[in-house]
Protein backbone atom coordinates (compact mmCIF):
# COMPACT_ATOMS: atom_id res chain seq x y z
CA MET A 1 146.27 115.44 107.91
CA LYS A 2 143.29 117.79 107.81
CA ALA A 3 140.07 116.65 106.17
CA LEU A 4 139.27 118.51 102.97
CA ILE A 5 135.99 120.42 102.75
CA TYR A 6 134.38 120.75 99.34
CA CYS A 7 131.39 122.97 98.59
CA LEU A 8 129.39 122.65 95.43
CA PRO A 9 129.03 126.18 93.99
CA LEU A 10 125.62 127.86 93.85
CA LEU A 11 123.90 124.90 95.51
CA LEU A 12 122.90 126.33 98.89
CA VAL A 13 124.45 123.38 100.64
CA VAL A 14 125.72 122.94 104.15
CA CYS A 15 129.19 121.51 103.80
CA ALA A 16 130.60 119.35 106.56
CA PRO A 17 134.20 118.36 107.35
CA ARG A 18 133.26 114.69 107.50
CA THR A 19 135.54 112.28 105.76
CA ILE A 20 134.34 109.08 104.09
CA TYR A 21 130.67 108.33 104.79
CA ALA A 22 128.31 109.50 107.52
CA ASP A 23 128.52 107.91 110.96
CA ASP A 24 127.72 104.20 110.57
CA GLU A 25 125.08 104.39 113.30
CA GLU A 26 123.11 106.90 111.22
CA TYR A 27 122.28 104.14 108.74
CA THR A 28 120.71 101.75 111.27
CA ASP A 29 117.34 103.48 110.86
CA LEU A 30 117.15 101.98 107.34
CA CYS A 31 115.94 98.77 108.98
CA ARG A 32 112.48 100.30 109.35
CA LEU A 33 112.00 99.54 105.64
CA PHE A 34 113.05 95.89 105.69
CA LYS A 35 112.00 92.59 107.21
CA ASP A 36 113.55 91.31 110.42
CA ASN A 37 117.07 89.81 110.15
CA MET A 38 117.86 91.59 106.87
CA LYS A 39 121.51 92.53 106.56
CA ILE A 40 122.29 95.86 104.90
CA SER A 41 125.75 96.76 103.71
CA VAL A 42 127.19 99.92 105.28
CA PRO A 43 127.97 102.39 102.47
CA GLY A 44 131.68 102.76 101.79
CA SER A 45 132.71 99.77 103.88
CA CYS A 46 133.84 96.36 102.68
CA ASN A 47 133.33 94.56 105.97
CA LYS A 48 130.58 96.37 107.92
CA TYR A 49 126.87 95.61 107.73
CA ILE A 50 123.67 96.45 109.60
CA GLN A 51 121.82 93.56 111.23
CA CYS A 52 118.10 94.46 111.34
CA GLN A 53 116.18 93.60 114.48
CA SER A 54 112.52 93.03 115.32
CA ASP A 55 112.02 96.59 116.57
CA GLY A 56 112.75 98.11 113.16
CA MET A 57 116.18 99.29 114.20
CA GLY A 58 119.58 97.72 113.54
CA GLU A 59 123.04 97.11 114.88
CA VAL A 60 126.31 97.74 113.04
CA LEU A 61 128.45 94.59 112.93
CA SER A 62 131.73 93.73 111.20
CA CYS A 63 133.09 90.78 109.27
CA PRO A 64 136.74 89.74 109.73
CA ASN A 65 137.35 90.33 106.03
CA THR A 66 134.44 91.11 103.69
CA PHE A 67 130.64 91.28 103.86
CA ASP A 68 128.98 89.74 100.79
CA VAL A 69 125.73 91.60 100.06
CA LYS A 70 124.30 88.94 97.74
CA GLY A 71 124.99 86.04 100.05
CA GLN A 72 124.19 88.02 103.22
CA THR A 73 127.25 86.53 104.90
CA CYS A 74 130.89 87.12 105.74
CA VAL A 75 133.43 85.86 103.19
CA ASP A 76 137.21 85.70 103.01
CA THR A 77 137.68 87.72 99.85
CA VAL A 78 135.87 90.33 97.78
CA SER A 79 133.80 88.71 95.02
CA SER A 80 131.73 90.79 92.62
CA ASN A 81 131.33 93.77 94.94
CA THR A 82 134.79 95.17 94.36
CA LEU A 83 133.71 98.74 95.04
CA CYS A 84 132.38 97.88 98.49
CA ASN A 85 129.63 100.43 97.83
CA ASN A 86 132.15 103.27 97.59
CA ARG A 87 130.52 105.24 94.80
CA CYS A 88 133.65 107.39 94.46
CA GLU A 89 135.90 104.47 93.53
CA GLY A 90 138.04 105.54 90.56
CA LYS A 91 136.54 109.04 90.48
CA SER A 92 137.90 112.49 91.27
CA GLY A 93 136.55 116.01 90.95
CA VAL A 94 132.89 114.96 90.67
CA TRP A 95 129.89 114.68 92.95
CA VAL A 96 127.87 111.48 93.39
CA ALA A 97 124.61 110.78 95.20
CA ASP A 98 124.45 109.27 98.67
CA PRO A 99 122.78 105.86 98.11
CA THR A 100 120.52 106.24 101.15
CA THR A 101 119.01 109.72 100.83
CA CYS A 102 117.89 112.13 98.12
CA HIS A 103 119.40 115.09 99.97
CA GLY A 104 122.95 113.79 100.49
CA PHE A 105 125.91 113.64 98.15
CA PHE A 106 129.67 113.02 98.15
CA TYR A 107 132.52 114.93 96.59
CA CYS A 108 134.99 112.46 95.14
CA ALA A 109 138.68 113.26 95.57
CA ASN A 110 140.98 110.52 94.26
CA SER A 111 138.40 107.81 95.14
CA VAL A 112 137.80 109.22 98.63
CA PRO A 113 134.19 110.41 99.32
CA TYR A 114 133.48 113.52 101.42
CA TRP A 115 129.87 113.83 102.56
CA SER A 116 127.56 116.83 102.52
CA HIS A 117 123.92 117.55 101.72
CA CYS A 118 121.55 119.91 99.97
CA ALA A 119 119.55 122.51 101.84
CA ASP A 120 115.98 121.77 102.96
CA GLY A 121 113.59 121.36 100.04
CA LEU A 122 116.35 120.36 97.61
CA HIS A 123 117.47 117.02 96.18
CA PHE A 124 120.87 116.24 94.71
CA ASP A 125 120.75 115.45 90.99
CA GLU A 126 123.76 113.48 89.83
CA ASN A 127 123.15 114.13 86.12
CA SER A 128 123.27 117.92 86.45
CA GLN A 129 125.73 117.82 89.40
CA MET A 130 123.45 120.24 91.21
CA CYS A 131 120.91 120.47 94.01
CA ILE A 132 117.48 120.97 92.47
CA HIS A 133 114.05 121.60 93.94
CA GLU A 134 112.55 118.35 95.23
CA THR A 135 109.40 118.84 93.11
CA SER A 136 111.61 118.65 90.02
CA SER A 137 113.49 115.59 91.25
CA SER A 138 112.84 112.01 90.16
CA CYS A 139 114.51 110.73 93.31
CA VAL A 140 112.43 109.07 96.04
CA ASP A 141 113.49 108.76 99.65
CA VAL A 142 114.79 105.22 99.15
CA ALA A 143 117.25 106.64 96.62
CA ASN A 144 119.87 104.03 95.56
CA ILE A 145 119.35 101.76 98.53
CA CYS A 146 119.25 98.68 96.28
CA HIS A 147 123.05 98.88 96.08
CA LEU A 148 123.12 97.83 99.73
CA VAL A 149 120.83 94.77 99.71
CA PRO A 150 120.45 91.58 97.62
CA ASP A 151 118.66 91.59 94.28
CA LYS A 152 114.90 90.85 94.44
CA THR A 153 114.66 92.33 97.95
CA LYS A 154 111.25 93.87 98.67
CA PHE A 155 110.80 96.70 101.15
CA ARG A 156 108.19 99.11 102.47
CA ASP A 157 106.77 102.16 100.77
CA GLU A 158 106.29 104.40 103.81
CA THR A 159 103.77 106.58 101.98
CA ASN A 160 101.31 103.80 101.08
CA CYS A 161 100.68 100.43 102.76
CA ALA A 162 99.30 99.01 99.50
CA SER A 163 102.61 99.62 97.72
CA TYR A 164 106.18 98.39 98.04
CA TYR A 165 109.55 98.57 96.29
CA GLU A 166 111.50 95.71 94.74
CA CYS A 167 115.19 95.74 93.86
CA SER A 168 116.44 94.58 90.48
CA SER A 169 119.95 95.15 89.12
CA ASN A 170 120.69 97.73 91.87
CA LYS A 171 117.58 99.76 91.04
CA HIS A 172 114.17 99.87 92.68
CA SER A 173 110.72 99.79 91.12
CA ARG A 174 107.42 100.58 92.83
CA LYS A 175 104.71 97.93 92.80
CA SER A 176 101.20 97.74 94.23
CA CYS A 177 98.98 95.21 95.95
CA SER A 178 95.37 94.88 94.78
CA LYS A 179 92.83 95.35 97.60
CA THR A 180 95.46 94.13 100.05
CA TYR A 181 98.47 95.54 101.91
CA PHE A 182 102.15 94.66 101.66
CA ASP A 183 103.55 92.67 104.58
CA VAL A 184 107.30 93.18 104.75
CA GLN A 185 107.86 90.13 106.97
CA THR A 186 106.25 87.62 104.56
CA GLN A 187 107.28 89.69 101.50
CA ALA A 188 103.75 89.26 100.15
CA CYS A 189 100.43 91.06 99.68
CA VAL A 190 98.09 89.99 102.50
CA ASP A 191 94.72 90.85 103.99
CA LYS A 192 94.66 94.43 105.30
CA ALA A 193 93.77 93.24 108.79
CA LYS A 194 97.14 91.51 109.08
CA VAL A 195 99.21 94.67 108.54
CA ALA A 196 99.77 97.43 111.09
CA CYS A 197 99.42 100.50 108.87
CA THR A 198 99.56 104.26 109.37
CA ALA A 199 99.80 105.17 105.67
CA HIS A 200 96.44 104.12 104.26
CA PRO A 201 95.83 104.93 100.59
CA ILE A 202 93.04 107.45 100.08
CA PRO A 203 90.09 105.74 98.34
CA SER A 204 88.94 107.48 95.17
CA GLY A 205 86.01 109.81 95.78
CA LEU A 206 86.27 109.41 99.55
CA CYS A 207 85.26 113.01 100.23
CA LEU A 208 82.29 112.98 97.87
CA VAL A 209 78.64 112.12 98.50
CA LYS A 210 76.45 111.96 95.41
CA LYS A 211 79.23 113.73 93.51
CA LYS A 212 79.18 116.67 95.94
CA PRO A 213 82.00 117.55 98.39
CA PHE A 214 81.56 115.95 101.81
CA VAL A 215 82.78 117.59 105.02
CA GLY A 216 83.29 115.34 108.01
CA TYR A 217 84.72 111.96 108.94
CA LYS A 218 84.97 108.86 106.76
CA SER A 219 86.27 105.36 107.50
CA ASP A 220 89.72 104.61 106.13
CA GLN A 221 88.11 101.46 104.67
CA ALA A 222 90.85 99.28 106.12
CA THR A 223 90.66 99.42 109.92
CA CYS A 224 88.07 99.75 112.67
CA ARG A 225 89.87 102.57 114.48
CA GLY A 226 91.07 104.64 111.53
CA PHE A 227 89.32 107.49 109.75
CA PHE A 228 89.94 110.42 107.41
CA TYR A 229 88.76 113.97 108.01
CA CYS A 230 87.47 115.65 104.86
CA LYS A 231 88.02 119.39 105.10
CA ASP A 232 85.62 122.08 103.89
CA LEU A 233 87.08 123.43 100.64
CA GLY A 234 83.89 124.95 99.34
CA ALA A 235 82.77 123.50 96.03
CA VAL A 236 85.99 121.48 95.66
CA GLU A 237 86.51 117.91 96.94
CA ASP A 238 89.24 117.47 99.54
CA LEU A 239 91.82 115.25 97.81
CA GLU A 240 94.17 115.17 100.79
CA PRO A 241 92.04 114.32 103.84
CA ILE A 242 93.85 113.91 107.14
CA TRP A 243 94.12 110.39 108.60
CA SER A 244 93.81 109.69 112.29
CA GLN A 245 92.51 106.93 114.56
CA CYS A 246 90.41 106.44 117.65
CA PRO A 247 92.14 105.83 120.98
CA VAL A 248 92.81 102.27 122.11
CA GLY A 249 89.55 100.59 123.11
CA LYS A 250 87.35 102.66 120.77
CA PHE A 251 86.24 102.12 117.16
CA PHE A 252 85.22 104.72 114.58
CA SER A 253 81.57 105.00 113.59
CA GLU A 254 80.54 106.92 110.48
CA ASP A 255 76.94 107.00 111.73
CA ALA A 256 78.02 108.64 115.00
CA GLN A 257 80.79 110.66 113.31
CA GLY A 258 83.05 109.78 116.19
CA CYS A 259 84.68 107.12 118.35
CA VAL A 260 82.36 104.68 120.13
CA ASN A 261 82.31 101.42 122.06
CA PRO A 262 83.47 98.71 119.61
CA VAL A 263 80.19 96.76 119.91
CA ASN A 264 78.37 99.83 118.52
CA ALA A 265 80.67 100.24 115.50
CA LYS A 266 79.60 98.71 112.22
CA CYS A 267 83.02 97.47 111.18
CA ALA A 268 84.08 94.02 109.95
CA TYR A 269 87.78 94.71 109.53
CA ASN A 270 90.21 93.66 112.28
CA ARG A 271 87.98 93.83 115.35
CA CYS A 272 90.93 92.89 117.55
CA GLU A 273 92.84 96.07 116.67
CA GLY A 274 94.00 97.85 119.81
CA ARG A 275 92.25 95.30 122.03
CA GLY A 276 95.19 93.18 123.12
CA ASP A 277 94.33 89.59 124.07
CA LEU A 278 90.60 89.93 124.69
CA MET A 279 87.78 87.87 123.24
CA VAL A 280 85.58 90.19 121.15
CA SER A 281 82.33 90.05 119.21
CA SER A 282 82.54 88.97 115.62
CA ALA A 283 80.68 90.70 112.81
CA ASN A 284 79.33 87.30 111.73
CA ASN A 285 76.43 85.02 112.70
CA ASN A 286 74.08 87.28 114.67
CA CYS A 287 76.39 87.68 117.69
CA HIS A 288 76.82 83.91 118.13
CA ASN A 289 80.45 84.15 116.97
CA TYR A 290 83.41 85.65 118.78
CA LEU A 291 87.06 86.30 118.03
CA ILE A 292 90.08 85.32 120.07
CA CYS A 293 92.59 88.17 119.90
CA GLU A 294 96.32 87.83 120.31
CA ASN A 295 98.34 91.03 120.53
CA GLY A 296 95.70 92.97 118.63
CA PHE A 297 95.23 90.51 115.75
CA VAL A 298 92.63 87.78 115.13
CA ALA A 299 93.99 84.38 116.13
CA GLU A 300 90.78 82.38 115.76
CA GLU A 301 87.00 82.71 115.31
CA ARG A 302 84.66 80.47 117.28
CA THR A 303 80.90 79.89 117.61
CA CYS A 304 79.10 79.68 120.93
CA ALA A 305 77.60 76.24 121.67
CA LYS A 306 73.89 75.56 122.31
CA ASP A 307 72.86 78.59 120.27
CA TYR A 308 74.25 80.86 123.02
CA PHE A 309 75.26 84.45 122.38
CA PHE A 310 78.64 86.01 123.07
CA ASP A 311 78.67 88.67 125.78
CA GLU A 312 81.71 90.97 125.57
CA MET A 313 81.24 92.31 129.08
CA TYR A 314 81.40 88.85 130.66
CA GLN A 315 83.83 87.47 128.07
CA ALA A 316 81.66 84.39 127.76
CA CYS A 317 78.83 82.73 125.86
CA VAL A 318 75.47 83.27 127.60
CA PRO A 319 71.90 81.98 127.07
CA ASP A 320 70.47 85.52 127.04
CA ILE A 321 69.85 87.14 123.66
CA ILE A 322 72.63 89.60 122.90
CA TYR A 323 72.38 92.17 120.14
CA TYR A 324 75.24 94.42 119.16
CA GLU A 325 75.27 96.78 116.21
CA CYS A 326 78.54 95.24 115.09
CA CYS A 327 76.95 91.85 114.33
CA ASP A 328 76.41 90.80 110.70
CA ILE A 329 77.93 93.89 109.16
CA LYS A 330 78.74 93.51 105.47
CA THR A 331 81.53 95.53 103.85
């Protein structure tokens, strides 16, 4: 029997002869949003789920009978999830949104979903049954993903490390950490130095100096390697500066307006960032203290005995007076 192909009129969509849902493997990338070992129900399937792994990817697995989203386990019979995440159940002749993307949708034909998607720059709007411009859409990229995971699940906001989403009654709400970043593994707001982040929030007034537009490089105010570039927009402040970071082994210095040796960078954030398992100078106690790094994060801070100073070059405490610009920096 040939698969039916349905096109939504006047929507500028690319219709595809794909029955049921998209290839199961296409959903494994959703694990990038969740903590390790999370199990995500595969849309449209009663028994398949995605087992998230430590690398942010996942593997599609199957239960003998039914996967229970709430209990995160295989069960013998369907409990409350009678639709098995088939959003077309009991529907015909209508379009419904794909629960994992703002661009995708399904045409329902006698409870069977047929997948397609809107053209670039458009989101599917279930209320109007049309593809609309993404600037007019209330949909975010996580879409209806809360249908696929247990209630109260928290997951990443990929646009801002200080924010996260939380599921409640199959819907998500955006929440924010105060002066901290969200750690998906602990499901809590933690010190910025403990989170590997590439989506730093832009501090208010970052590209201003004495209320005048600033052109140049500014610290991201969260890491020792990261910085924003404030573009020259004339008399207008750059509200969307570009984030980047120094190469491994270098720290950013606002004074130098560039990347320098870490001991010459006045930064008290995570001084182990990008430095592997070295021992590095601390920003505390006049260069008498040092940090023990493990995989780029601070494992422990110690003080040299006998009033010795820590020498990064020799990776040891020495009797000679050592002075680095990084010592005793206050943020």
